[in-house]
Amino acid sequence: MSHAPARLHPRNRHQGRYDFPALIAASPALARYVARNAYGDDSIDFADPAAVKALNRALLRLHYGVKDWDIPDGYLCPPIPGRADYLHYLADLLAADGATGPGAAVRVLDVGVGANCVYPLIGVAEYGWHFVGSDIDAGALASARRILDANPDRAAAIELRRQPDPTAIFDGIIRPGERFDLTLCNPPFHASRAEAGAGTRRKWNNLGREGGNALNFGGRGSELWCPGGEQAFITRMIEQSAGYAGHCRWFSTLVSKAATLPAVRRALRHAGAGRSEIIAMAQGQKQSRLVAWTFLDDAARRRFTGTQQG
């Protein structure tokens, strides 16, 4: 089943243009990066990593009450509106299952939480969900921990776990007796470091900045690439999810390339997923989609309760 919205999810706080006066009031350090663009509108230079980071910090503070947020140079600086969209569509899946109780009862696994910890920060603010964030990168987890230390009101709802095996997605993370209402993932997009660098250079060129530093702007290592790219990562995730069929109400992932979808559908059939959803998302000119799947029938999902390790 597919849905095709024309714009951001109706509950997304980031409809229309950014309110720069309100953002600067929330985070005054943003002001140095804001200027009139060629169309006479306030904007930032999206080719400047420091400006993008300052915008994210202001968005998180204004809309989600995140007191302090930062990431080390070279790590992925995600678009906040798109990350929020993913969470809102996952909330719709839960609501369709009748899961409308207290948010704290909902447990979410963020596969590849990254240095930015953005999905848990937004999910706690919007829905009161509890999160486990996993990652193979110790540096990313250290950054996420610093963010939580700076926002102790969020830390109680967010747990971080290191994935020691780069070939495993759920093994070593989901513990015996542990259940999650949702899993989410923003998978590595590219198939190699060279491909990732070329893709980031194209982004620089599209922004009118030839020869930009790919690592400083677009992410690093496991955030951007893995052997086989997103298709290999997602199909492996689907295959491994079958071993945790009863541990999760809904599994999900972003899929950046439409060309990846046929392989995803084949993997879902092979894994024996009982139901899947492909939900189109749009942010500006960028088209993406999320794929969600479950091994549980409707009645089992309605009875499902996320639990911590017994």
C-alpha atoms as a PDB file:
ATOM      1  CA  MET A   1       0.000   0.000   0.000  1.00  0.00           C
ATOM      2  CA  SER A   2       1.326   3.469  -0.870  1.00  0.00           C
ATOM      3  CA  HIS A   3       0.468   7.027   0.106  1.00  0.00           C
ATOM      4  CA  ALA A   4       1.683  10.061  -1.845  1.00  0.00           C
ATOM      5  CA  PRO A   5       1.518  13.384   0.030  1.00  0.00           C
ATOM      6  CA  ALA A   6       2.332  16.585  -1.839  1.00  0.00           C
ATOM      7  CA  ARG A   7       4.054  18.251   1.115  1.00  0.00           C
ATOM      8  CA  LEU A   8       5.143  17.787   4.693  1.00  0.00           C
ATOM      9  CA  HIS A   9       2.970  15.806   7.091  1.00  0.00           C
ATOM     10  CA  PRO A  10       0.091  17.953   8.439  1.00  0.00           C
ATOM     11  CA  ARG A  11       1.447  17.744  12.012  1.00  0.00           C
ATOM     12  CA  ASN A  12       4.945  18.793  10.952  1.00  0.00           C
ATOM     13  CA  ARG A  13       5.914  22.066  12.646  1.00  0.00           C
ATOM     14  CA  HIS A  14       8.029  23.183   9.688  1.00  0.00           C
ATOM     15  CA  GLN A  15       5.413  24.133   7.093  1.00  0.00           C
ATOM     16  CA  GLY A  16       6.328  27.010   4.795  1.00  0.00           C
ATOM     17  CA  ARG A  17       9.384  29.214   5.196  1.00  0.00           C
ATOM     18  CA  TYR A  18      11.590  29.251   8.261  1.00  0.00           C
ATOM     19  CA  ASP A  19      10.610  31.963  10.757  1.00  0.00           C
ATOM     20  CA  PHE A  20      14.079  33.456  11.140  1.00  0.00           C
ATOM     21  CA  PRO A  21      13.131  36.200  13.646  1.00  0.00           C
ATOM     22  CA  ALA A  22      11.668  33.554  15.972  1.00  0.00           C
ATOM     23  CA  LEU A  23      14.632  31.239  15.407  1.00  0.00           C
ATOM     24  CA  ILE A  24      17.128  34.010  16.171  1.00  0.00           C
ATOM     25  CA  ALA A  25      15.172  34.935  19.305  1.00  0.00           C
ATOM     26  CA  ALA A  26      15.482  31.313  20.444  1.00  0.00           C
ATOM     27  CA  SER A  27      19.136  30.971  19.425  1.00  0.00           C
ATOM     28  CA  PRO A  28      20.855  34.350  18.920  1.00  0.00           C
ATOM     29  CA  ALA A  29      24.014  32.745  17.499  1.00  0.00           C
ATOM     30  CA  LEU A  30      22.064  32.016  14.303  1.00  0.00           C
ATOM     31  CA  ALA A  31      21.868  35.744  13.469  1.00  0.00           C
ATOM     32  CA  ARG A  32      25.418  35.940  12.060  1.00  0.00           C
ATOM     33  CA  TYR A  33      24.489  33.418   9.341  1.00  0.00           C
ATOM     34  CA  VAL A  34      21.185  34.978   8.215  1.00  0.00           C
ATOM     35  CA  ALA A  35      21.091  37.370   5.255  1.00  0.00           C
ATOM     36  CA  ARG A  36      18.798  38.378   2.423  1.00  0.00           C
ATOM     37  CA  ASN A  37      18.994  36.050  -0.552  1.00  0.00           C
ATOM     38  CA  ALA A  38      18.540  36.915  -4.235  1.00  0.00           C
ATOM     39  CA  TYR A  39      14.759  36.787  -3.801  1.00  0.00           C
ATOM     40  CA  GLY A  40      14.744  39.254  -0.924  1.00  0.00           C
ATOM     41  CA  ASP A  41      13.992  36.623   1.715  1.00  0.00           C
ATOM     42  CA  ASP A  42      15.890  35.882   4.920  1.00  0.00           C
ATOM     43  CA  SER A  43      17.930  32.710   4.511  1.00  0.00           C
ATOM     44  CA  ILE A  44      21.264  31.072   5.277  1.00  0.00           C
ATOM     45  CA  ASP A  45      24.005  29.745   3.039  1.00  0.00           C
ATOM     46  CA  PHE A  46      23.124  26.040   2.961  1.00  0.00           C
ATOM     47  CA  ALA A  47      26.604  25.311   1.608  1.00  0.00           C
ATOM     48  CA  ASP A  48      28.114  26.506   4.896  1.00  0.00           C
ATOM     49  CA  PRO A  49      28.235  23.643   7.437  1.00  0.00           C
ATOM     50  CA  ALA A  50      28.435  26.077  10.353  1.00  0.00           C
ATOM     51  CA  ALA A  51      25.292  27.872   9.147  1.00  0.00           C
ATOM     52  CA  VAL A  52      23.375  24.610   8.740  1.00  0.00           C
ATOM     53  CA  LYS A  53      24.443  23.490  12.200  1.00  0.00           C
ATOM     54  CA  ALA A  54      23.348  26.837  13.685  1.00  0.00           C
ATOM     55  CA  LEU A  55      19.970  26.524  11.946  1.00  0.00           C
ATOM     56  CA  ASN A  56      19.473  23.008  13.315  1.00  0.00           C
ATOM     57  CA  ARG A  57      20.387  24.155  16.806  1.00  0.00           C
ATOM     58  CA  ALA A  58      17.804  26.956  16.580  1.00  0.00           C
ATOM     59  CA  LEU A  59      15.085  24.675  15.163  1.00  0.00           C
ATOM     60  CA  LEU A  60      15.609  22.102  17.892  1.00  0.00           C
ATOM     61  CA  ARG A  61      15.566  24.755  20.609  1.00  0.00           C
ATOM     62  CA  LEU A  62      12.533  26.681  19.307  1.00  0.00           C
ATOM     63  CA  HIS A  63      10.275  23.801  18.321  1.00  0.00           C
ATOM     64  CA  TYR A  64      11.397  20.906  20.515  1.00  0.00           C
ATOM     65  CA  GLY A  65      12.842  22.492  23.654  1.00  0.00           C
ATOM     66  CA  VAL A  66      16.349  21.103  23.136  1.00  0.00           C
ATOM     67  CA  LYS A  67      18.509  23.367  25.286  1.00  0.00           C
ATOM     68  CA  ASP A  68      21.861  22.601  23.718  1.00  0.00           C
ATOM     69  CA  TRP A  69      22.801  20.629  20.609  1.00  0.00           C
ATOM     70  CA  ASP A  70      26.061  20.226  18.737  1.00  0.00           C
ATOM     71  CA  ILE A  71      27.894  17.635  16.641  1.00  0.00           C
ATOM     72  CA  PRO A  72      31.595  17.254  15.829  1.00  0.00           C
ATOM     73  CA  ASP A  73      32.855  18.438  12.455  1.00  0.00           C
ATOM     74  CA  GLY A  74      32.426  15.847   9.735  1.00  0.00           C
ATOM     75  CA  TYR A  75      29.315  14.130  11.093  1.00  0.00           C
ATOM     76  CA  LEU A  76      25.963  14.208   9.317  1.00  0.00           C
ATOM     77  CA  CYS A  77      23.917  17.354   9.961  1.00  0.00           C
ATOM     78  CA  PRO A  78      20.374  16.196   9.132  1.00  0.00           C
ATOM     79  CA  PRO A  79      17.443  18.233   7.775  1.00  0.00           C
ATOM     80  CA  ILE A  80      15.123  18.636  10.756  1.00  0.00           C
ATOM     81  CA  PRO A  81      11.802  18.922   8.831  1.00  0.00           C
ATOM     82  CA  GLY A  82      12.396  15.628   7.012  1.00  0.00           C
ATOM     83  CA  ARG A  83      13.383  13.820  10.204  1.00  0.00           C
ATOM     84  CA  ALA A  84      10.214  15.062  11.911  1.00  0.00           C
ATOM     85  CA  ASP A  85       8.119  13.877   8.957  1.00  0.00           C
ATOM     86  CA  TYR A  86       9.339  10.301   9.341  1.00  0.00           C
ATOM     87  CA  LEU A  87       8.298  10.271  12.995  1.00  0.00           C
ATOM     88  CA  HIS A  88       4.834  11.671  12.280  1.00  0.00           C
ATOM     89  CA  TYR A  89       4.132   8.973   9.703  1.00  0.00           C
ATOM     90  CA  LEU A  90       5.276   6.300  12.145  1.00  0.00           C
ATOM     91  CA  ALA A  91       2.885   7.775  14.710  1.00  0.00           C
ATOM     92  CA  ASP A  92       0.096   7.350  12.164  1.00  0.00           C
ATOM     93  CA  LEU A  93       0.940   3.644  11.851  1.00  0.00           C
ATOM     94  CA  LEU A  94       0.643   3.261  15.620  1.00  0.00           C
ATOM     95  CA  ALA A  95      -2.632   5.179  15.698  1.00  0.00           C
ATOM     96  CA  ALA A  96      -4.063   2.882  13.014  1.00  0.00           C
ATOM     97  CA  ASP A  97      -3.262  -0.031  15.355  1.00  0.00           C
ATOM     98  CA  GLY A  98      -5.117   1.707  18.163  1.00  0.00           C
ATOM     99  CA  ALA A  99      -1.885   2.567  19.992  1.00  0.00           C
ATOM    100  CA  THR A 100      -2.992   5.955  21.303  1.00  0.00           C
ATOM    101  CA  GLY A 101      -2.153   5.563  24.997  1.00  0.00           C
ATOM    102  CA  PRO A 102       0.566   7.378  26.973  1.00  0.00           C
ATOM    103  CA  GLY A 103       3.601   8.074  24.822  1.00  0.00           C
ATOM    104  CA  ALA A 104       5.991   6.702  27.422  1.00  0.00           C
ATOM    105  CA  ALA A 105       4.532   3.247  26.784  1.00  0.00           C
ATOM    106  CA  VAL A 106       5.830   3.380  23.179  1.00  0.00           C
ATOM    107  CA  ARG A 107       9.383   2.088  22.704  1.00  0.00           C
ATOM    108  CA  VAL A 108      11.341   2.875  19.547  1.00  0.00           C
ATOM    109  CA  LEU A 109      14.664   1.512  18.270  1.00  0.00           C
ATOM    110  CA  ASP A 110      16.663   4.007  16.182  1.00  0.00           C
ATOM    111  CA  VAL A 111      19.099   1.943  14.098  1.00  0.00           C
ATOM    112  CA  GLY A 112      22.088   4.220  13.488  1.00  0.00           C
ATOM    113  CA  VAL A 113      21.207   7.016  15.906  1.00  0.00           C
ATOM    114  CA  GLY A 114      24.284   8.948  14.771  1.00  0.00           C
ATOM    115  CA  ALA A 115      26.142  11.793  16.403  1.00  0.00           C
ATOM    116  CA  ASN A 116      23.113  14.073  16.111  1.00  0.00           C
ATOM    117  CA  CYS A 117      20.536  11.979  18.061  1.00  0.00           C
ATOM    118  CA  VAL A 118      17.828  13.902  16.220  1.00  0.00           C
ATOM    119  CA  TYR A 119      15.119  11.242  15.904  1.00  0.00           C
ATOM    120  CA  PRO A 120      15.013  10.528  19.649  1.00  0.00           C
ATOM    121  CA  LEU A 121      15.113  14.225  20.555  1.00  0.00           C
ATOM    122  CA  ILE A 122      12.149  15.015  18.304  1.00  0.00           C
ATOM    123  CA  GLY A 123      10.257  11.821  19.156  1.00  0.00           C
ATOM    124  CA  VAL A 124      10.451  12.476  22.890  1.00  0.00           C
ATOM    125  CA  ALA A 125       9.326  16.080  22.431  1.00  0.00           C
ATOM    126  CA  GLU A 126       6.448  15.339  20.059  1.00  0.00           C
ATOM    127  CA  TYR A 127       5.116  12.063  21.418  1.00  0.00           C
ATOM    128  CA  GLY A 128       6.814  11.243  24.711  1.00  0.00           C
ATOM    129  CA  TRP A 129       8.168   7.998  23.251  1.00  0.00           C
ATOM    130  CA  HIS A 130      11.110   6.147  24.772  1.00  0.00           C
ATOM    131  CA  PHE A 131      14.078   5.360  22.540  1.00  0.00           C
ATOM    132  CA  VAL A 132      17.034   3.044  22.253  1.00  0.00           C
ATOM    133  CA  GLY A 133      19.601   4.434  19.823  1.00  0.00           C
ATOM    134  CA  SER A 134      22.184   2.038  18.378  1.00  0.00           C
ATOM    135  CA  ASP A 135      25.314   2.759  16.358  1.00  0.00           C
ATOM    136  CA  ILE A 136      28.553   1.060  15.325  1.00  0.00           C
ATOM    137  CA  ASP A 137      30.529   4.324  15.615  1.00  0.00           C
ATOM    138  CA  ALA A 138      31.851   4.984  19.124  1.00  0.00           C
ATOM    139  CA  GLY A 139      32.509   8.626  18.238  1.00  0.00           C
ATOM    140  CA  ALA A 140      28.900   9.111  17.140  1.00  0.00           C
ATOM    141  CA  LEU A 141      27.627   7.596  20.381  1.00  0.00           C
ATOM    142  CA  ALA A 142      29.977   9.814  22.410  1.00  0.00           C
ATOM    143  CA  SER A 143      28.524  12.864  20.645  1.00  0.00           C
ATOM    144  CA  ALA A 144      24.964  11.660  21.251  1.00  0.00           C
ATOM    145  CA  ARG A 145      25.837  11.143  24.935  1.00  0.00           C
ATOM    146  CA  ARG A 146      27.126  14.726  25.183  1.00  0.00           C
ATOM    147  CA  ILE A 147      23.819  15.961  23.748  1.00  0.00           C
ATOM    148  CA  LEU A 148      21.856  13.957  26.323  1.00  0.00           C
ATOM    149  CA  ASP A 149      24.122  15.171  29.136  1.00  0.00           C
ATOM    150  CA  ALA A 150      23.314  18.737  28.040  1.00  0.00           C
ATOM    151  CA  ASN A 151      19.570  17.926  28.023  1.00  0.00           C
ATOM    152  CA  PRO A 152      18.977  15.843  31.158  1.00  0.00           C
ATOM    153  CA  ASP A 153      15.200  16.142  30.821  1.00  0.00           C
ATOM    154  CA  ARG A 154      15.488  14.005  27.669  1.00  0.00           C
ATOM    155  CA  ALA A 155      18.175  11.615  28.846  1.00  0.00           C
ATOM    156  CA  ALA A 156      15.827   9.501  30.959  1.00  0.00           C
ATOM    157  CA  ALA A 157      13.847   8.558  27.843  1.00  0.00           C
ATOM    158  CA  ILE A 158      16.830   7.808  25.565  1.00  0.00           C
ATOM    159  CA  GLU A 159      19.267   4.913  25.944  1.00  0.00           C
ATOM    160  CA  LEU A 160      22.348   4.489  23.735  1.00  0.00           C
ATOM    161  CA  ARG A 161      23.835   1.109  22.782  1.00  0.00           C
ATOM    162  CA  ARG A 162      26.952   0.241  20.799  1.00  0.00           C
ATOM    163  CA  GLN A 163      26.568  -2.295  17.986  1.00  0.00           C
ATOM    164  CA  PRO A 164      29.860  -4.243  18.048  1.00  0.00           C
ATOM    165  CA  ASP A 165      29.195  -6.163  14.808  1.00  0.00           C
ATOM    166  CA  PRO A 166      28.971  -4.015  11.657  1.00  0.00           C
ATOM    167  CA  THR A 167      27.192  -6.837   9.805  1.00  0.00           C
ATOM    168  CA  ALA A 168      24.463  -7.149  12.463  1.00  0.00           C
ATOM    169  CA  ILE A 169      21.509  -4.810  12.799  1.00  0.00           C
ATOM    170  CA  PHE A 170      19.348  -6.256  15.577  1.00  0.00           C
ATOM    171  CA  ASP A 171      21.617  -8.966  17.042  1.00  0.00           C
ATOM    172  CA  GLY A 172      23.407  -7.594  20.087  1.00  0.00           C
ATOM    173  CA  ILE A 173      20.962  -4.696  20.375  1.00  0.00           C
ATOM    174  CA  ILE A 174      17.514  -6.217  20.962  1.00  0.00           C
ATOM    175  CA  ARG A 175      17.852  -8.131  24.215  1.00  0.00           C
ATOM    176  CA  PRO A 176      16.014 -11.310  25.254  1.00  0.00           C
ATOM    177  CA  GLY A 177      12.453 -10.488  26.228  1.00  0.00           C
ATOM    178  CA  GLU A 178      12.711  -6.938  24.879  1.00  0.00           C
ATOM    179  CA  ARG A 179      10.040  -5.571  22.547  1.00  0.00           C
ATOM    180  CA  PHE A 180       9.752  -2.389  20.493  1.00  0.00           C
ATOM    181  CA  ASP A 181       6.691  -0.765  18.985  1.00  0.00           C
ATOM    182  CA  LEU A 182       8.751   0.727  16.163  1.00  0.00           C
ATOM    183  CA  THR A 183      12.167   0.557  14.583  1.00  0.00           C
ATOM    184  CA  LEU A 184      13.431   3.343  12.345  1.00  0.00           C
ATOM    185  CA  CYS A 185      16.555   3.830  10.260  1.00  0.00           C
ATOM    186  CA  ASN A 186      18.195   6.328   7.933  1.00  0.00           C
ATOM    187  CA  PRO A 187      20.447   3.849   6.098  1.00  0.00           C
ATOM    188  CA  PRO A 188      23.767   4.533   4.381  1.00  0.00           C
ATOM    189  CA  PHE A 189      22.936   5.798   0.910  1.00  0.00           C
ATOM    190  CA  HIS A 190      26.077   5.124  -1.136  1.00  0.00           C
ATOM    191  CA  ALA A 191      27.935   1.936  -2.073  1.00  0.00           C
ATOM    192  CA  SER A 192      31.481   3.275  -1.542  1.00  0.00           C
ATOM    193  CA  ARG A 193      33.451   6.158  -0.070  1.00  0.00           C
ATOM    194  CA  ALA A 194      34.231   7.400  -3.595  1.00  0.00           C
ATOM    195  CA  GLU A 195      30.554   7.375  -4.540  1.00  0.00           C
ATOM    196  CA  ALA A 196      29.678   9.213  -1.331  1.00  0.00           C
ATOM    197  CA  GLY A 197      32.286  11.877  -2.085  1.00  0.00           C
ATOM    198  CA  ALA A 198      31.007  12.317  -5.628  1.00  0.00           C
ATOM    199  CA  GLY A 199      27.435  12.652  -4.384  1.00  0.00           C
ATOM    200  CA  THR A 200      28.390  15.286  -1.843  1.00  0.00           C
ATOM    201  CA  ARG A 201      30.370  17.212  -4.450  1.00  0.00           C
ATOM    202  CA  ARG A 202      27.230  17.280  -6.598  1.00  0.00           C
ATOM    203  CA  LYS A 203      25.375  18.841  -3.646  1.00  0.00           C
ATOM    204  CA  TRP A 204      28.101  21.479  -3.351  1.00  0.00           C
ATOM    205  CA  ASN A 205      27.912  22.225  -7.079  1.00  0.00           C
ATOM    206  CA  ASN A 206      24.123  22.498  -6.941  1.00  0.00           C
ATOM    207  CA  LEU A 207      24.586  25.087  -4.205  1.00  0.00           C
ATOM    208  CA  GLY A 208      27.035  26.986  -6.385  1.00  0.00           C
ATOM    209  CA  ARG A 209      30.123  25.943  -4.426  1.00  0.00           C
ATOM    210  CA  GLU A 210      32.523  23.873  -6.492  1.00  0.00           C
ATOM    211  CA  GLY A 211      35.255  21.956  -4.679  1.00  0.00           C
ATOM    212  CA  GLY A 212      33.681  21.936  -1.216  1.00  0.00           C
ATOM    213  CA  ASN A 213      34.949  19.651   1.515  1.00  0.00           C
ATOM    214  CA  ALA A 214      32.726  16.574   1.294  1.00  0.00           C
ATOM    215  CA  LEU A 215      33.460  15.278   4.777  1.00  0.00           C
ATOM    216  CA  ASN A 216      32.807  18.591   6.485  1.00  0.00           C
ATOM    217  CA  PHE A 217      29.462  18.987   4.770  1.00  0.00           C
ATOM    218  CA  GLY A 218      27.837  15.654   4.207  1.00  0.00           C
ATOM    219  CA  GLY A 219      28.647  13.088   6.884  1.00  0.00           C
ATOM    220  CA  ARG A 220      31.260  10.425   7.241  1.00  0.00           C
ATOM    221  CA  GLY A 221      31.994   6.715   7.082  1.00  0.00           C
ATOM    222  CA  SER A 222      29.107   4.481   8.082  1.00  0.00           C
ATOM    223  CA  GLU A 223      26.651   7.396   7.928  1.00  0.00           C
ATOM    224  CA  LEU A 224      27.076   7.684   4.160  1.00  0.00           C
ATOM    225  CA  TRP A 225      28.132   4.404   2.654  1.00  0.00           C
ATOM    226  CA  CYS A 226      28.348   0.649   3.035  1.00  0.00           C
ATOM    227  CA  PRO A 227      29.168  -2.125   0.540  1.00  0.00           C
ATOM    228  CA  GLY A 228      26.205  -2.377  -1.807  1.00  0.00           C
ATOM    229  CA  GLY A 229      24.709   0.941  -0.703  1.00  0.00           C
ATOM    230  CA  GLU A 230      21.209   1.365   0.671  1.00  0.00           C
ATOM    231  CA  GLN A 231      19.811  -1.588  -1.274  1.00  0.00           C
ATOM    232  CA  ALA A 232      22.222  -4.049   0.339  1.00  0.00           C
ATOM    233  CA  PHE A 233      21.766  -2.519   3.794  1.00  0.00           C
ATOM    234  CA  ILE A 234      17.963  -2.479   3.662  1.00  0.00           C
ATOM    235  CA  THR A 235      17.599  -5.972   2.227  1.00  0.00           C
ATOM    236  CA  ARG A 236      19.943  -7.237   4.960  1.00  0.00           C
ATOM    237  CA  MET A 237      17.846  -5.425   7.556  1.00  0.00           C
ATOM    238  CA  ILE A 238      14.666  -7.023   6.251  1.00  0.00           C
ATOM    239  CA  GLU A 239      16.264 -10.471   6.253  1.00  0.00           C
ATOM    240  CA  GLN A 240      17.503 -10.050   9.823  1.00  0.00           C
ATOM    241  CA  SER A 241      14.186  -8.608  11.014  1.00  0.00           C
ATOM    242  CA  ALA A 242      12.525 -11.986  10.435  1.00  0.00           C
ATOM    243  CA  GLY A 243      14.514 -13.309  13.394  1.00  0.00           C
ATOM    244  CA  TYR A 244      12.831 -10.686  15.600  1.00  0.00           C
ATOM    245  CA  ALA A 245       9.335 -10.975  14.120  1.00  0.00           C
ATOM    246  CA  GLY A 246       7.645 -11.072  17.509  1.00  0.00           C
ATOM    247  CA  HIS A 247       9.848  -8.419  19.105  1.00  0.00           C
ATOM    248  CA  CYS A 248       8.639  -5.444  17.043  1.00  0.00           C
ATOM    249  CA  ARG A 249       5.232  -4.174  16.056  1.00  0.00           C
ATOM    250  CA  TRP A 250       6.537  -2.316  12.985  1.00  0.00           C
ATOM    251  CA  PHE A 251       9.987  -2.270  11.412  1.00  0.00           C
ATOM    252  CA  SER A 252      10.793   0.670   9.129  1.00  0.00           C
ATOM    253  CA  THR A 253      13.482   2.426   7.115  1.00  0.00           C
ATOM    254  CA  LEU A 254      13.899   5.385   4.816  1.00  0.00           C
ATOM    255  CA  VAL A 255      14.485   4.550   1.151  1.00  0.00           C
ATOM    256  CA  SER A 256      16.136   7.364  -0.814  1.00  0.00           C
ATOM    257  CA  LYS A 257      16.207   5.780  -4.272  1.00  0.00           C
ATOM    258  CA  ALA A 258      13.022   4.696  -6.033  1.00  0.00           C
ATOM    259  CA  ALA A 259      15.182   2.163  -7.892  1.00  0.00           C
ATOM    260  CA  THR A 260      15.744   0.361  -4.580  1.00  0.00           C
ATOM    261  CA  LEU A 261      12.040  -0.452  -4.114  1.00  0.00           C
ATOM    262  CA  PRO A 262      11.807  -3.596  -6.316  1.00  0.00           C
ATOM    263  CA  ALA A 263      14.593  -5.257  -4.310  1.00  0.00           C
ATOM    264  CA  VAL A 264      12.914  -4.168  -1.080  1.00  0.00           C
ATOM    265  CA  ARG A 265       9.614  -5.702  -2.157  1.00  0.00           C
ATOM    266  CA  ARG A 266      11.348  -8.960  -3.072  1.00  0.00           C
ATOM    267  CA  ALA A 267      13.135  -9.036   0.282  1.00  0.00           C
ATOM    268  CA  LEU A 268       9.865  -8.469   2.148  1.00  0.00           C
ATOM    269  CA  ARG A 269       8.192 -11.354   0.316  1.00  0.00           C
ATOM    270  CA  HIS A 270      11.168 -13.624   0.950  1.00  0.00           C
ATOM    271  CA  ALA A 271      11.249 -12.726   4.661  1.00  0.00           C
ATOM    272  CA  GLY A 272       7.545 -13.494   5.020  1.00  0.00           C
ATOM    273  CA  ALA A 273       6.404 -10.032   6.120  1.00  0.00           C
ATOM    274  CA  GLY A 274       2.644 -10.142   6.521  1.00  0.00           C
ATOM    275  CA  ARG A 275       2.065  -6.504   5.628  1.00  0.00           C
ATOM    276  CA  SER A 276       4.089  -3.589   4.356  1.00  0.00           C
ATOM    277  CA  GLU A 277       3.521   0.101   3.713  1.00  0.00           C
ATOM    278  CA  ILE A 278       5.385   2.424   1.333  1.00  0.00           C
ATOM    279  CA  ILE A 279       4.756   6.031   2.290  1.00  0.00           C
ATOM    280  CA  ALA A 280       6.003   8.795   0.002  1.00  0.00           C
ATOM    281  CA  MET A 281       7.457  11.907   1.596  1.00  0.00           C
ATOM    282  CA  ALA A 282       8.420  15.237   0.057  1.00  0.00           C
ATOM    283  CA  GLN A 283      10.574  18.072   1.379  1.00  0.00           C
ATOM    284  CA  GLY A 284      11.122  20.869  -1.123  1.00  0.00           C
ATOM    285  CA  GLN A 285      12.405  19.301  -4.328  1.00  0.00           C
ATOM    286  CA  LYS A 286      13.617  16.141  -2.595  1.00  0.00           C
ATOM    287  CA  GLN A 287      11.502  13.014  -2.890  1.00  0.00           C
ATOM    288  CA  SER A 288      11.923  10.173  -0.438  1.00  0.00           C
ATOM    289  CA  ARG A 289       9.830   7.454   1.082  1.00  0.00           C
ATOM    290  CA  LEU A 290       9.652   5.230   4.108  1.00  0.00           C
ATOM    291  CA  VAL A 291       8.989   1.519   4.035  1.00  0.00           C
ATOM    292  CA  ALA A 292       7.387  -0.129   7.057  1.00  0.00           C
ATOM    293  CA  TRP A 293       6.716  -3.832   7.504  1.00  0.00           C
ATOM    294  CA  THR A 294       5.357  -6.180  10.130  1.00  0.00           C
ATOM    295  CA  PHE A 295       5.148  -9.915  10.748  1.00  0.00           C
ATOM    296  CA  LEU A 296       2.132  -9.515  13.051  1.00  0.00           C
ATOM    297  CA  ASP A 297      -1.508  -9.621  12.008  1.00  0.00           C
ATOM    298  CA  ASP A 298      -3.919  -6.811  12.907  1.00  0.00           C
ATOM    299  CA  ALA A 299      -5.095  -8.441  16.134  1.00  0.00           C
ATOM    300  CA  ALA A 300      -1.545  -9.152  17.310  1.00  0.00           C
ATOM    301  CA  ARG A 301      -0.487  -5.570  16.649  1.00  0.00           C
ATOM    302  CA  ARG A 302      -3.443  -4.245  18.621  1.00  0.00           C
ATOM    303  CA  ARG A 303      -2.442  -6.445  21.568  1.00  0.00           C
ATOM    304  CA  PHE A 304       1.241  -5.623  21.248  1.00  0.00           C
ATOM    305  CA  THR A 305       2.986  -3.847  24.133  1.00  0.00           C
ATOM    306  CA  GLY A 306       6.572  -2.646  23.978  1.00  0.00           C
ATOM    307  CA  THR A 307       8.524  -3.873  26.999  1.00  0.00           C
ATOM    308  CA  GLN A 308      12.017  -3.484  28.355  1.00  0.00           C
ATOM    309  CA  GLN A 309      14.226  -6.431  29.029  1.00  0.00           C
ATOM    310  CA  GLY A 310      12.724  -8.696  31.636  1.00  0.00           C
END
